[in-house]
PDB file of all heavy atoms in Angstrom:
ATOM      1  N   PRO A   1      -6.943 -23.548  20.033  1.00  0.00           N
ATOM      2  CA  PRO A   1      -6.255 -23.438  18.730  1.00  0.00           C
ATOM      3  C   PRO A   1      -7.002 -22.579  17.725  1.00  0.00           C
ATOM      4  O   PRO A   1      -6.381 -21.830  16.968  1.00  0.00           O
ATOM      5  CB  PRO A   1      -6.178 -24.895  18.264  1.00  0.00           C
ATOM      6  CG  PRO A   1      -6.230 -25.701  19.524  1.00  0.00           C
ATOM      7  CD  PRO A   1      -7.132 -24.952  20.453  1.00  0.00           C
ATOM      8  N   HIS A   2      -8.334 -22.652  17.717  1.00  0.00           N
ATOM      9  CA  HIS A   2      -9.060 -21.853  16.728  1.00  0.00           C
ATOM     10  C   HIS A   2      -8.965 -20.361  17.024  1.00  0.00           C
ATOM     11  O   HIS A   2      -8.971 -19.528  16.111  1.00  0.00           O
ATOM     12  CB  HIS A   2     -10.529 -22.296  16.670  1.00  0.00           C
ATOM     13  CG  HIS A   2     -11.319 -21.921  17.903  1.00  0.00           C
ATOM     14  ND1 HIS A   2     -11.255 -22.657  19.078  1.00  0.00           N
ATOM     15  CD2 HIS A   2     -12.164 -20.879  18.132  1.00  0.00           C
ATOM     16  CE1 HIS A   2     -12.050 -22.091  19.982  1.00  0.00           C
ATOM     17  NE2 HIS A   2     -12.605 -21.016  19.434  1.00  0.00           N
ATOM     18  N   VAL A   3      -8.830 -19.989  18.327  1.00  0.00           N
ATOM     19  CA  VAL A   3      -8.670 -18.574  18.683  1.00  0.00           C
ATOM     20  C   VAL A   3      -7.288 -18.080  18.256  1.00  0.00           C
ATOM     21  O   VAL A   3      -7.124 -16.979  17.720  1.00  0.00           O
ATOM     22  CB  VAL A   3      -8.890 -18.378  20.193  1.00  0.00           C
ATOM     23  CG1 VAL A   3      -8.609 -16.931  20.582  1.00  0.00           C
ATOM     24  CG2 VAL A   3     -10.304 -18.764  20.581  1.00  0.00           C
ATOM     25  N   LEU A   4      -6.267 -18.904  18.502  1.00  0.00           N
ATOM     26  CA  LEU A   4      -4.919 -18.534  18.075  1.00  0.00           C
ATOM     27  C   LEU A   4      -4.848 -18.387  16.555  1.00  0.00           C
ATOM     28  O   LEU A   4      -4.207 -17.463  16.042  1.00  0.00           O
ATOM     29  CB  LEU A   4      -3.919 -19.586  18.552  1.00  0.00           C
ATOM     30  CG  LEU A   4      -3.722 -19.699  20.067  1.00  0.00           C
ATOM     31  CD1 LEU A   4      -2.797 -20.857  20.397  1.00  0.00           C
ATOM     32  CD2 LEU A   4      -3.166 -18.396  20.639  1.00  0.00           C
ATOM     33  N   ARG A   5      -5.511 -19.278  15.839  1.00  0.00           N
ATOM     34  CA  ARG A   5      -5.502 -19.202  14.384  1.00  0.00           C
ATOM     35  C   ARG A   5      -6.208 -17.942  13.906  1.00  0.00           C
ATOM     36  O   ARG A   5      -5.763 -17.290  12.958  1.00  0.00           O
ATOM     37  CB  ARG A   5      -6.181 -20.447  13.810  1.00  0.00           C
ATOM     38  CG  ARG A   5      -6.096 -20.532  12.288  1.00  0.00           C
ATOM     39  CD  ARG A   5      -6.515 -21.908  11.773  1.00  0.00           C
ATOM     40  NE  ARG A   5      -7.825 -22.303  12.277  1.00  0.00           N
ATOM     41  CZ  ARG A   5      -8.035 -23.205  13.215  1.00  0.00           C
ATOM     42  NH1 ARG A   5      -6.996 -23.810  13.791  1.00  0.00           N
ATOM     43  NH2 ARG A   5      -9.267 -23.520  13.612  1.00  0.00           N
ATOM     44  N   TYR A   6      -7.281 -17.565  14.558  1.00  0.00           N
ATOM     45  CA  TYR A   6      -7.989 -16.335  14.188  1.00  0.00           C
ATOM     46  C   TYR A   6      -7.116 -15.101  14.429  1.00  0.00           C
ATOM     47  O   TYR A   6      -7.082 -14.177  13.608  1.00  0.00           O
ATOM     48  CB  TYR A   6      -9.283 -16.229  14.985  1.00  0.00           C
ATOM     49  CG  TYR A   6     -10.006 -14.913  14.775  1.00  0.00           C
ATOM     50  CD1 TYR A   6     -10.765 -14.692  13.628  1.00  0.00           C
ATOM     51  CD2 TYR A   6      -9.912 -13.899  15.733  1.00  0.00           C
ATOM     52  CE1 TYR A   6     -11.415 -13.486  13.435  1.00  0.00           C
ATOM     53  CE2 TYR A   6     -10.561 -12.695  15.543  1.00  0.00           C
ATOM     54  CZ  TYR A   6     -11.318 -12.491  14.388  1.00  0.00           C
ATOM     55  OH  TYR A   6     -11.946 -11.292  14.201  1.00  0.00           O
ATOM     56  N   GLN A   7      -6.393 -15.084  15.566  1.00  0.00           N
ATOM     57  CA  GLN A   7      -5.505 -13.952  15.851  1.00  0.00           C
ATOM     58  C   GLN A   7      -4.408 -13.829  14.800  1.00  0.00           C
ATOM     59  O   GLN A   7      -4.070 -12.726  14.367  1.00  0.00           O
ATOM     60  CB  GLN A   7      -4.903 -14.101  17.246  1.00  0.00           C
ATOM     61  CG  GLN A   7      -5.893 -13.896  18.384  1.00  0.00           C
ATOM     62  CD  GLN A   7      -5.233 -14.019  19.741  1.00  0.00           C
ATOM     63  OE1 GLN A   7      -4.127 -14.546  19.860  1.00  0.00           O
ATOM     64  NE2 GLN A   7      -5.922 -13.554  20.775  1.00  0.00           N
ATOM     65  N   GLN A   8      -3.834 -14.949  14.380  1.00  0.00           N
ATOM     66  CA  GLN A   8      -2.789 -14.914  13.369  1.00  0.00           C
ATOM     67  C   GLN A   8      -3.327 -14.410  12.028  1.00  0.00           C
ATOM     68  O   GLN A   8      -2.692 -13.610  11.349  1.00  0.00           O
ATOM     69  CB  GLN A   8      -2.181 -16.311  13.202  1.00  0.00           C
ATOM     70  CG  GLN A   8      -1.400 -16.788  14.430  1.00  0.00           C
ATOM     71  CD  GLN A   8      -0.912 -18.218  14.274  1.00  0.00           C
ATOM     72  OE1 GLN A   8      -1.248 -18.901  13.306  1.00  0.00           O
ATOM     73  NE2 GLN A   8      -0.131 -18.679  15.247  1.00  0.00           N
ATOM     74  N   GLU A   9      -4.528 -14.867  11.655  1.00  0.00           N
ATOM     75  CA  GLU A   9      -5.123 -14.391  10.409  1.00  0.00           C
ATOM     76  C   GLU A   9      -5.448 -12.907  10.488  1.00  0.00           C
ATOM     77  O   GLU A   9      -5.283 -12.174   9.508  1.00  0.00           O
ATOM     78  CB  GLU A   9      -6.391 -15.195  10.100  1.00  0.00           C
ATOM     79  CG  GLU A   9      -6.130 -16.668   9.794  1.00  0.00           C
ATOM     80  CD  GLU A   9      -7.411 -17.427   9.581  1.00  0.00           C
ATOM     81  OE1 GLU A   9      -8.503 -16.821   9.783  1.00  0.00           O
ATOM     82  OE2 GLU A   9      -7.349 -18.629   9.229  1.00  0.00           O
ATOM     83  N   TYR A  10      -5.890 -12.442  11.651  1.00  0.00           N
ATOM     84  CA  TYR A  10      -6.223 -11.025  11.825  1.00  0.00           C
ATOM     85  C   TYR A  10      -4.978 -10.153  11.677  1.00  0.00           C
ATOM     86  O   TYR A  10      -4.992  -9.117  11.024  1.00  0.00           O
ATOM     87  CB  TYR A  10      -6.861 -10.833  13.206  1.00  0.00           C
ATOM     88  CG  TYR A  10      -7.299  -9.418  13.484  1.00  0.00           C
ATOM     89  CD1 TYR A  10      -8.461  -8.901  12.910  1.00  0.00           C
ATOM     90  CD2 TYR A  10      -6.554  -8.607  14.335  1.00  0.00           C
ATOM     91  CE1 TYR A  10      -8.867  -7.613  13.178  1.00  0.00           C
ATOM     92  CE2 TYR A  10      -6.954  -7.316  14.600  1.00  0.00           C
ATOM     93  CZ  TYR A  10      -8.107  -6.817  14.023  1.00  0.00           C
ATOM     94  OH  TYR A  10      -8.493  -5.537  14.276  1.00  0.00           O
ATOM     95  N   LYS A  11      -3.857 -10.593  12.291  1.00  0.00           N
ATOM     96  CA  LYS A  11      -2.601  -9.854  12.169  1.00  0.00           C
ATOM     97  C   LYS A  11      -2.109  -9.843  10.727  1.00  0.00           C
ATOM     98  O   LYS A  11      -1.598  -8.841  10.240  1.00  0.00           O
ATOM     99  CB  LYS A  11      -1.549 -10.463  13.087  1.00  0.00           C
ATOM    100  CG  LYS A  11      -1.820 -10.260  14.578  1.00  0.00           C
ATOM    101  CD  LYS A  11      -0.735 -10.911  15.421  1.00  0.00           C
ATOM    102  CE  LYS A  11      -1.011 -10.715  16.909  1.00  0.00           C
ATOM    103  NZ  LYS A  11       0.044 -11.368  17.745  1.00  0.00           N
ATOM    104  N   ALA A  12      -2.265 -10.972  10.040  1.00  0.00           N
ATOM    105  CA  ALA A  12      -1.823 -11.044   8.643  1.00  0.00           C
ATOM    106  C   ALA A  12      -2.631 -10.099   7.761  1.00  0.00           C
ATOM    107  O   ALA A  12      -2.089  -9.413   6.890  1.00  0.00           O
ATOM    108  CB  ALA A  12      -1.926 -12.478   8.136  1.00  0.00           C
ATOM    109  N   ARG A  13      -3.966 -10.032   7.997  1.00  0.00           N
ATOM    110  CA  ARG A  13      -4.797  -9.115   7.211  1.00  0.00           C
ATOM    111  C   ARG A  13      -4.430  -7.662   7.483  1.00  0.00           C
ATOM    112  O   ARG A  13      -4.364  -6.846   6.571  1.00  0.00           O
ATOM    113  CB  ARG A  13      -6.276  -9.362   7.526  1.00  0.00           C
ATOM    114  CG  ARG A  13      -6.833 -10.643   6.919  1.00  0.00           C
ATOM    115  CD  ARG A  13      -8.351 -10.605   6.893  1.00  0.00           C
ATOM    116  NE  ARG A  13      -8.916 -10.469   8.220  1.00  0.00           N
ATOM    117  CZ  ARG A  13      -9.273 -11.486   8.997  1.00  0.00           C
ATOM    118  NH1 ARG A  13      -9.102 -12.725   8.564  1.00  0.00           N
ATOM    119  NH2 ARG A  13      -9.784 -11.278  10.192  1.00  0.00           N
ATOM    120  N   ASN A  14      -4.163  -7.322   8.739  1.00  0.00           N
ATOM    121  CA  ASN A  14      -3.766  -5.950   9.062  1.00  0.00           C
ATOM    122  C   ASN A  14      -2.438  -5.591   8.418  1.00  0.00           C
ATOM    123  O   ASN A  14      -2.242  -4.468   7.930  1.00  0.00           O
ATOM    124  CB  ASN A  14      -3.663  -5.784  10.583  1.00  0.00           C
ATOM    125  CG  ASN A  14      -5.035  -5.726  11.252  1.00  0.00           C
ATOM    126  OD1 ASN A  14      -6.037  -5.519  10.572  1.00  0.00           O
ATOM    127  ND2 ASN A  14      -5.066  -5.890  12.561  1.00  0.00           N
ATOM    128  N   ARG A  15      -1.504  -6.542   8.403  1.00  0.00           N
ATOM    129  CA  ARG A  15      -0.208  -6.283   7.785  1.00  0.00           C
ATOM    130  C   ARG A  15      -0.356  -6.080   6.278  1.00  0.00           C
ATOM    131  O   ARG A  15       0.248  -5.184   5.694  1.00  0.00           O
ATOM    132  CB  ARG A  15       0.737  -7.443   8.074  1.00  0.00           C
ATOM    133  CG  ARG A  15       2.185  -7.168   7.689  1.00  0.00           C
ATOM    134  CD  ARG A  15       3.078  -8.359   7.996  1.00  0.00           C
ATOM    135  NE  ARG A  15       3.026  -8.741   9.397  1.00  0.00           N
ATOM    136  CZ  ARG A  15       2.442  -9.844   9.847  1.00  0.00           C
ATOM    137  NH1 ARG A  15       1.866 -10.680   8.983  1.00  0.00           N
ATOM    138  NH2 ARG A  15       2.442 -10.126  11.130  1.00  0.00           N
ATOM    139  N   ALA A  16      -1.182  -6.897   5.643  1.00  0.00           N
ATOM    140  CA  ALA A  16      -1.401  -6.753   4.207  1.00  0.00           C
ATOM    141  C   ALA A  16      -2.078  -5.422   3.881  1.00  0.00           C
ATOM    142  O   ALA A  16      -1.736  -4.749   2.902  1.00  0.00           O
ATOM    143  CB  ALA A  16      -2.243  -7.918   3.683  1.00  0.00           C
ATOM    144  N   LEU A  17      -3.035  -5.012   4.720  1.00  0.00           N
ATOM    145  CA  LEU A  17      -3.706  -3.732   4.517  1.00  0.00           C
ATOM    146  C   LEU A  17      -2.732  -2.573   4.659  1.00  0.00           C
ATOM    147  O   LEU A  17      -2.781  -1.597   3.900  1.00  0.00           O
ATOM    148  CB  LEU A  17      -4.855  -3.591   5.520  1.00  0.00           C
ATOM    149  CG  LEU A  17      -5.655  -2.278   5.459  1.00  0.00           C
ATOM    150  CD1 LEU A  17      -6.301  -2.123   4.089  1.00  0.00           C
ATOM    151  CD2 LEU A  17      -6.702  -2.236   6.562  1.00  0.00           C
ATOM    152  N   LEU A  18      -1.814  -2.661   5.619  1.00  0.00           N
ATOM    153  CA  LEU A  18      -0.812  -1.622   5.809  1.00  0.00           C
ATOM    154  C   LEU A  18       0.094  -1.511   4.589  1.00  0.00           C
ATOM    155  O   LEU A  18       0.380  -0.402   4.101  1.00  0.00           O
ATOM    156  CB  LEU A  18       0.010  -1.909   7.065  1.00  0.00           C
ATOM    157  CG  LEU A  18       1.176  -0.950   7.359  1.00  0.00           C
ATOM    158  CD1 LEU A  18       0.662   0.463   7.575  1.00  0.00           C
ATOM    159  CD2 LEU A  18       1.970  -1.432   8.569  1.00  0.00           C
ATOM    160  N   TYR A  19       0.539  -2.646   4.055  1.00  0.00           N
ATOM    161  CA  TYR A  19       1.396  -2.635   2.876  1.00  0.00           C
ATOM    162  C   TYR A  19       0.660  -2.046   1.673  1.00  0.00           C
ATOM    163  O   TYR A  19       1.223  -1.260   0.896  1.00  0.00           O
ATOM    164  CB  TYR A  19       1.873  -4.052   2.557  1.00  0.00           C
ATOM    165  CG  TYR A  19       2.822  -4.640   3.562  1.00  0.00           C
ATOM    166  CD1 TYR A  19       2.986  -6.019   3.687  1.00  0.00           C
ATOM    167  CD2 TYR A  19       3.568  -3.815   4.416  1.00  0.00           C
ATOM    168  CE1 TYR A  19       3.863  -6.564   4.619  1.00  0.00           C
ATOM    169  CE2 TYR A  19       4.440  -4.348   5.346  1.00  0.00           C
ATOM    170  CZ  TYR A  19       4.586  -5.723   5.449  1.00  0.00           C
ATOM    171  OH  TYR A  19       5.459  -6.252   6.367  1.00  0.00           O
ATOM    172  N   TYR A  20      -0.594  -2.435   1.508  1.00  0.00           N
ATOM    173  CA  TYR A  20      -1.370  -1.950   0.370  1.00  0.00           C
ATOM    174  C   TYR A  20      -1.582  -0.440   0.460  1.00  0.00           C
ATOM    175  O   TYR A  20      -1.411   0.282  -0.524  1.00  0.00           O
ATOM    176  CB  TYR A  20      -2.709  -2.678   0.320  1.00  0.00           C
ATOM    177  CG  TYR A  20      -3.643  -2.175  -0.749  1.00  0.00           C
ATOM    178  CD1 TYR A  20      -3.477  -2.537  -2.079  1.00  0.00           C
ATOM    179  CD2 TYR A  20      -4.701  -1.317  -0.420  1.00  0.00           C
ATOM    180  CE1 TYR A  20      -4.333  -2.068  -3.060  1.00  0.00           C
ATOM    181  CE2 TYR A  20      -5.556  -0.841  -1.395  1.00  0.00           C
ATOM    182  CZ  TYR A  20      -5.370  -1.221  -2.713  1.00  0.00           C
ATOM    183  OH  TYR A  20      -6.207  -0.744  -3.682  1.00  0.00           O
ATOM    184  N   THR A  21      -1.941   0.050   1.651  1.00  0.00           N
ATOM    185  CA  THR A  21      -2.170   1.478   1.823  1.00  0.00           C
ATOM    186  C   THR A  21      -0.897   2.269   1.585  1.00  0.00           C
ATOM    187  O   THR A  21      -0.905   3.321   0.934  1.00  0.00           O
ATOM    188  CB  THR A  21      -2.700   1.758   3.239  1.00  0.00           C
ATOM    189  OG1 THR A  21      -3.878   0.973   3.466  1.00  0.00           O
ATOM    190  CG2 THR A  21      -3.036   3.226   3.408  1.00  0.00           C
ATOM    191  N   THR A  22       0.229   1.771   2.102  1.00  0.00           N
ATOM    192  CA  THR A  22       1.507   2.458   1.896  1.00  0.00           C
ATOM    193  C   THR A  22       1.872   2.512   0.420  1.00  0.00           C
ATOM    194  O   THR A  22       2.342   3.537  -0.089  1.00  0.00           O
ATOM    195  CB  THR A  22       2.622   1.745   2.687  1.00  0.00           C
ATOM    196  OG1 THR A  22       2.262   1.694   4.066  1.00  0.00           O
ATOM    197  CG2 THR A  22       3.946   2.478   2.534  1.00  0.00           C
ATOM    198  N   ALA A  23       1.634   1.402  -0.296  1.00  0.00           N
ATOM    199  CA  ALA A  23       1.948   1.368  -1.726  1.00  0.00           C
ATOM    200  C   ALA A  23       1.093   2.366  -2.504  1.00  0.00           C
ATOM    201  O   ALA A  23       1.583   3.046  -3.413  1.00  0.00           O
ATOM    202  CB  ALA A  23       1.742  -0.049  -2.272  1.00  0.00           C
ATOM    203  N   VAL A  24      -0.203   2.466  -2.147  1.00  0.00           N
ATOM    204  CA  VAL A  24      -1.084   3.406  -2.834  1.00  0.00           C
ATOM    205  C   VAL A  24      -0.633   4.850  -2.586  1.00  0.00           C
ATOM    206  O   VAL A  24      -0.588   5.678  -3.510  1.00  0.00           O
ATOM    207  CB  VAL A  24      -2.539   3.202  -2.382  1.00  0.00           C
ATOM    208  CG1 VAL A  24      -3.433   4.322  -2.909  1.00  0.00           C
ATOM    209  CG2 VAL A  24      -3.052   1.857  -2.856  1.00  0.00           C
ATOM    210  N   ILE A  25      -0.272   5.170  -1.347  1.00  0.00           N
ATOM    211  CA  ILE A  25       0.169   6.527  -1.024  1.00  0.00           C
ATOM    212  C   ILE A  25       1.441   6.880  -1.789  1.00  0.00           C
ATOM    213  O   ILE A  25       1.580   7.965  -2.352  1.00  0.00           O
ATOM    214  CB  ILE A  25       0.381   6.666   0.495  1.00  0.00           C
ATOM    215  CG1 ILE A  25      -0.962   6.537   1.226  1.00  0.00           C
ATOM    216  CG2 ILE A  25       1.042   7.989   0.835  1.00  0.00           C
ATOM    217  CD1 ILE A  25      -0.841   6.528   2.734  1.00  0.00           C
ATOM    218  N   LEU A  26       2.385   5.937  -1.823  1.00  0.00           N
ATOM    219  CA  LEU A  26       3.636   6.191  -2.542  1.00  0.00           C
ATOM    220  C   LEU A  26       3.394   6.343  -4.038  1.00  0.00           C
ATOM    221  O   LEU A  26       4.010   7.197  -4.694  1.00  0.00           O
ATOM    222  CB  LEU A  26       4.623   5.047  -2.284  1.00  0.00           C
ATOM    223  CG  LEU A  26       5.161   4.933  -0.846  1.00  0.00           C
ATOM    224  CD1 LEU A  26       6.058   3.711  -0.716  1.00  0.00           C
ATOM    225  CD2 LEU A  26       5.934   6.195  -0.456  1.00  0.00           C
ATOM    226  N   PHE A  27       2.487   5.535  -4.591  1.00  0.00           N
ATOM    227  CA  PHE A  27       2.203   5.626  -6.023  1.00  0.00           C
ATOM    228  C   PHE A  27       1.550   6.953  -6.376  1.00  0.00           C
ATOM    229  O   PHE A  27       1.944   7.613  -7.341  1.00  0.00           O
ATOM    230  CB  PHE A  27       1.300   4.468  -6.441  1.00  0.00           C
ATOM    231  CG  PHE A  27       0.842   4.550  -7.873  1.00  0.00           C
ATOM    232  CD1 PHE A  27       1.691   4.187  -8.904  1.00  0.00           C
ATOM    233  CD2 PHE A  27      -0.437   5.005  -8.179  1.00  0.00           C
ATOM    234  CE1 PHE A  27       1.269   4.278 -10.226  1.00  0.00           C
ATOM    235  CE2 PHE A  27      -0.856   5.092  -9.490  1.00  0.00           C
ATOM    236  CZ  PHE A  27       0.008   4.724 -10.515  1.00  0.00           C
ATOM    237  N   VAL A  28       0.563   7.367  -5.593  1.00  0.00           N
ATOM    238  CA  VAL A  28      -0.124   8.635  -5.871  1.00  0.00           C
ATOM    239  C   VAL A  28       0.837   9.804  -5.715  1.00  0.00           C
ATOM    240  O   VAL A  28       0.865  10.734  -6.534  1.00  0.00           O
ATOM    241  CB  VAL A  28      -1.346   8.790  -4.946  1.00  0.00           C
ATOM    242  CG1 VAL A  28      -1.966  10.166  -5.117  1.00  0.00           C
ATOM    243  CG2 VAL A  28      -2.373   7.706  -5.243  1.00  0.00           C
ATOM    244  N   GLY A  29       1.644   9.767  -4.647  1.00  0.00           N
ATOM    245  CA  GLY A  29       2.615  10.848  -4.457  1.00  0.00           C
ATOM    246  C   GLY A  29       3.637  10.906  -5.569  1.00  0.00           C
ATOM    247  O   GLY A  29       3.976  11.988  -6.073  1.00  0.00           O
ATOM    248  N   GLY A  30       4.132   9.736  -5.990  1.00  0.00           N
ATOM    249  CA  GLY A  30       5.098   9.717  -7.078  1.00  0.00           C
ATOM    250  C   GLY A  30       4.501  10.158  -8.398  1.00  0.00           C
ATOM    251  O   GLY A  30       5.143  10.855  -9.188  1.00  0.00           O
ATOM    252  N   ALA A  31       3.241   9.772  -8.647  1.00  0.00           N
ATOM    253  CA  ALA A  31       2.594  10.175  -9.894  1.00  0.00           C
ATOM    254  C   ALA A  31       2.377  11.678  -9.955  1.00  0.00           C
ATOM    255  O   ALA A  31       2.598  12.318 -10.988  1.00  0.00           O
ATOM    256  CB  ALA A  31       1.258   9.441 -10.043  1.00  0.00           C
ATOM    257  N   SER A  32       1.943  12.282  -8.844  1.00  0.00           N
ATOM    258  CA  SER A  32       1.747  13.733  -8.823  1.00  0.00           C
ATOM    259  C   SER A  32       3.067  14.479  -8.945  1.00  0.00           C
ATOM    260  O   SER A  32       3.154  15.529  -9.567  1.00  0.00           O
ATOM    261  CB  SER A  32       1.031  14.138  -7.530  1.00  0.00           C
ATOM    262  OG  SER A  32       1.821  13.793  -6.402  1.00  0.00           O
ATOM    263  N   TYR A  33       4.122  13.900  -8.364  1.00  0.00           N
ATOM    264  CA  TYR A  33       5.436  14.533  -8.443  1.00  0.00           C
ATOM    265  C   TYR A  33       5.985  14.483  -9.864  1.00  0.00           C
ATOM    266  O   TYR A  33       6.585  15.436 -10.351  1.00  0.00           O
ATOM    267  CB  TYR A  33       6.400  13.828  -7.487  1.00  0.00           C
ATOM    268  CG  TYR A  33       7.862  14.165  -7.690  1.00  0.00           C
ATOM    269  CD1 TYR A  33       8.389  15.346  -7.197  1.00  0.00           C
ATOM    270  CD2 TYR A  33       8.700  13.296  -8.382  1.00  0.00           C
ATOM    271  CE1 TYR A  33       9.718  15.662  -7.374  1.00  0.00           C
ATOM    272  CE2 TYR A  33      10.027  13.601  -8.569  1.00  0.00           C
ATOM    273  CZ  TYR A  33      10.537  14.789  -8.064  1.00  0.00           C
ATOM    274  OH  TYR A  33      11.852  15.084  -8.254  1.00  0.00           O
ATOM    275  N   ALA A  34       5.748  13.368 -10.573  1.00  0.00           N
ATOM    276  CA  ALA A  34       6.347  13.176 -11.890  1.00  0.00           C
ATOM    277  C   ALA A  34       5.436  13.589 -13.034  1.00  0.00           C
ATOM    278  O   ALA A  34       5.839  13.493 -14.194  1.00  0.00           O
ATOM    279  CB  ALA A  34       6.737  11.701 -12.069  1.00  0.00           C
ATOM    280  N   ALA A  35       4.227  14.066 -12.754  1.00  0.00           N
ATOM    281  CA  ALA A  35       3.279  14.360 -13.823  1.00  0.00           C
ATOM    282  C   ALA A  35       3.810  15.428 -14.772  1.00  0.00           C
ATOM    283  O   ALA A  35       3.822  15.247 -15.990  1.00  0.00           O
ATOM    284  CB  ALA A  35       1.940  14.799 -13.218  1.00  0.00           C
ATOM    285  N   VAL A  36       4.253  16.565 -14.212  1.00  0.00           N
ATOM    286  CA  VAL A  36       4.737  17.654 -15.059  1.00  0.00           C
ATOM    287  C   VAL A  36       6.027  17.274 -15.783  1.00  0.00           C
ATOM    288  O   VAL A  36       6.134  17.479 -16.998  1.00  0.00           O
ATOM    289  CB  VAL A  36       4.914  18.939 -14.220  1.00  0.00           C
ATOM    290  CG1 VAL A  36       5.534  20.042 -15.068  1.00  0.00           C
ATOM    291  CG2 VAL A  36       3.565  19.390 -13.671  1.00  0.00           C
ATOM    292  N   PRO A  37       7.064  16.727 -15.111  1.00  0.00           N
ATOM    293  CA  PRO A  37       8.267  16.321 -15.855  1.00  0.00           C
ATOM    294  C   PRO A  37       7.990  15.292 -16.939  1.00  0.00           C
ATOM    295  O   PRO A  37       8.584  15.342 -18.016  1.00  0.00           O
ATOM    296  CB  PRO A  37       9.174  15.747 -14.753  1.00  0.00           C
ATOM    297  CG  PRO A  37       8.726  16.409 -13.504  1.00  0.00           C
ATOM    298  CD  PRO A  37       7.251  16.569 -13.661  1.00  0.00           C
ATOM    299  N   MET A  38       7.078  14.339 -16.664  1.00  0.00           N
ATOM    300  CA  MET A  38       6.764  13.327 -17.673  1.00  0.00           C
ATOM    301  C   MET A  38       6.058  13.954 -18.871  1.00  0.00           C
ATOM    302  O   MET A  38       6.309  13.580 -20.020  1.00  0.00           O
ATOM    303  CB  MET A  38       5.895  12.232 -17.055  1.00  0.00           C
ATOM    304  CG  MET A  38       6.630  11.330 -16.081  1.00  0.00           C
ATOM    305  SD  MET A  38       5.561  10.081 -15.338  1.00  0.00           S
ATOM    306  CE  MET A  38       5.067   9.157 -16.790  1.00  0.00           C
ATOM    307  N   TYR A  39       5.193  14.922 -18.596  1.00  0.00           N
ATOM    308  CA  TYR A  39       4.496  15.590 -19.694  1.00  0.00           C
ATOM    309  C   TYR A  39       5.482  16.364 -20.568  1.00  0.00           C
ATOM    310  O   TYR A  39       5.426  16.333 -21.793  1.00  0.00           O
ATOM    311  CB  TYR A  39       3.429  16.530 -19.127  1.00  0.00           C
ATOM    312  CG  TYR A  39       2.698  17.339 -20.174  1.00  0.00           C
ATOM    313  CD1 TYR A  39       1.819  16.724 -21.060  1.00  0.00           C
ATOM    314  CD2 TYR A  39       2.890  18.716 -20.279  1.00  0.00           C
ATOM    315  CE1 TYR A  39       1.137  17.462 -22.016  1.00  0.00           C
ATOM    316  CE2 TYR A  39       2.220  19.457 -21.239  1.00  0.00           C
ATOM    317  CZ  TYR A  39       1.348  18.833 -22.099  1.00  0.00           C
ATOM    318  OH  TYR A  39       0.685  19.566 -23.048  1.00  0.00           O
ATOM    319  N   ARG A  40       6.426  17.053 -19.916  1.00  0.00           N
ATOM    320  CA  ARG A  40       7.426  17.803 -20.678  1.00  0.00           C
ATOM    321  C   ARG A  40       8.357  16.862 -21.432  1.00  0.00           C
ATOM    322  O   ARG A  40       8.779  17.156 -22.555  1.00  0.00           O
ATOM    323  CB  ARG A  40       8.228  18.697 -19.727  1.00  0.00           C
ATOM    324  CG  ARG A  40       7.382  19.847 -19.162  1.00  0.00           C
ATOM    325  CD  ARG A  40       8.153  20.656 -18.144  1.00  0.00           C
ATOM    326  NE  ARG A  40       7.343  21.764 -17.648  1.00  0.00           N
ATOM    327  CZ  ARG A  40       7.696  22.540 -16.642  1.00  0.00           C
ATOM    328  NH1 ARG A  40       8.844  22.334 -16.013  1.00  0.00           N
ATOM    329  NH2 ARG A  40       6.911  23.535 -16.256  1.00  0.00           N
ATOM    330  N   ALA A  41       8.702  15.724 -20.817  1.00  0.00           N
ATOM    331  CA  ALA A  41       9.541  14.751 -21.518  1.00  0.00           C
ATOM    332  C   ALA A  41       8.807  14.186 -22.730  1.00  0.00           C
ATOM    333  O   ALA A  41       9.410  13.954 -23.788  1.00  0.00           O
ATOM    334  CB  ALA A  41       9.949  13.633 -20.567  1.00  0.00           C
ATOM    335  N   PHE A  42       7.496  13.964 -22.582  1.00  0.00           N
ATOM    336  CA  PHE A  42       6.692  13.483 -23.705  1.00  0.00           C
ATOM    337  C   PHE A  42       6.690  14.495 -24.834  1.00  0.00           C
ATOM    338  O   PHE A  42       6.866  14.143 -26.014  1.00  0.00           O
ATOM    339  CB  PHE A  42       5.266  13.201 -23.227  1.00  0.00           C
ATOM    340  CG  PHE A  42       4.282  12.995 -24.344  1.00  0.00           C
ATOM    341  CD1 PHE A  42       4.232  11.796 -25.030  1.00  0.00           C
ATOM    342  CD2 PHE A  42       3.408  14.010 -24.713  1.00  0.00           C
ATOM    343  CE1 PHE A  42       3.326  11.604 -26.071  1.00  0.00           C
ATOM    344  CE2 PHE A  42       2.506  13.829 -25.744  1.00  0.00           C
ATOM    345  CZ  PHE A  42       2.465  12.624 -26.425  1.00  0.00           C
TER     346      PHE A  42
END
């Protein structure tokens, strides 16, 4: 049981890391894309 529990926690950490990395990439890409239009709108 302790090995199965470790595997489940390992998969959960990898999934959370994937979500976090994807969110950071999307945020940086969106910020660079919108920087000039936002500046002109300002």
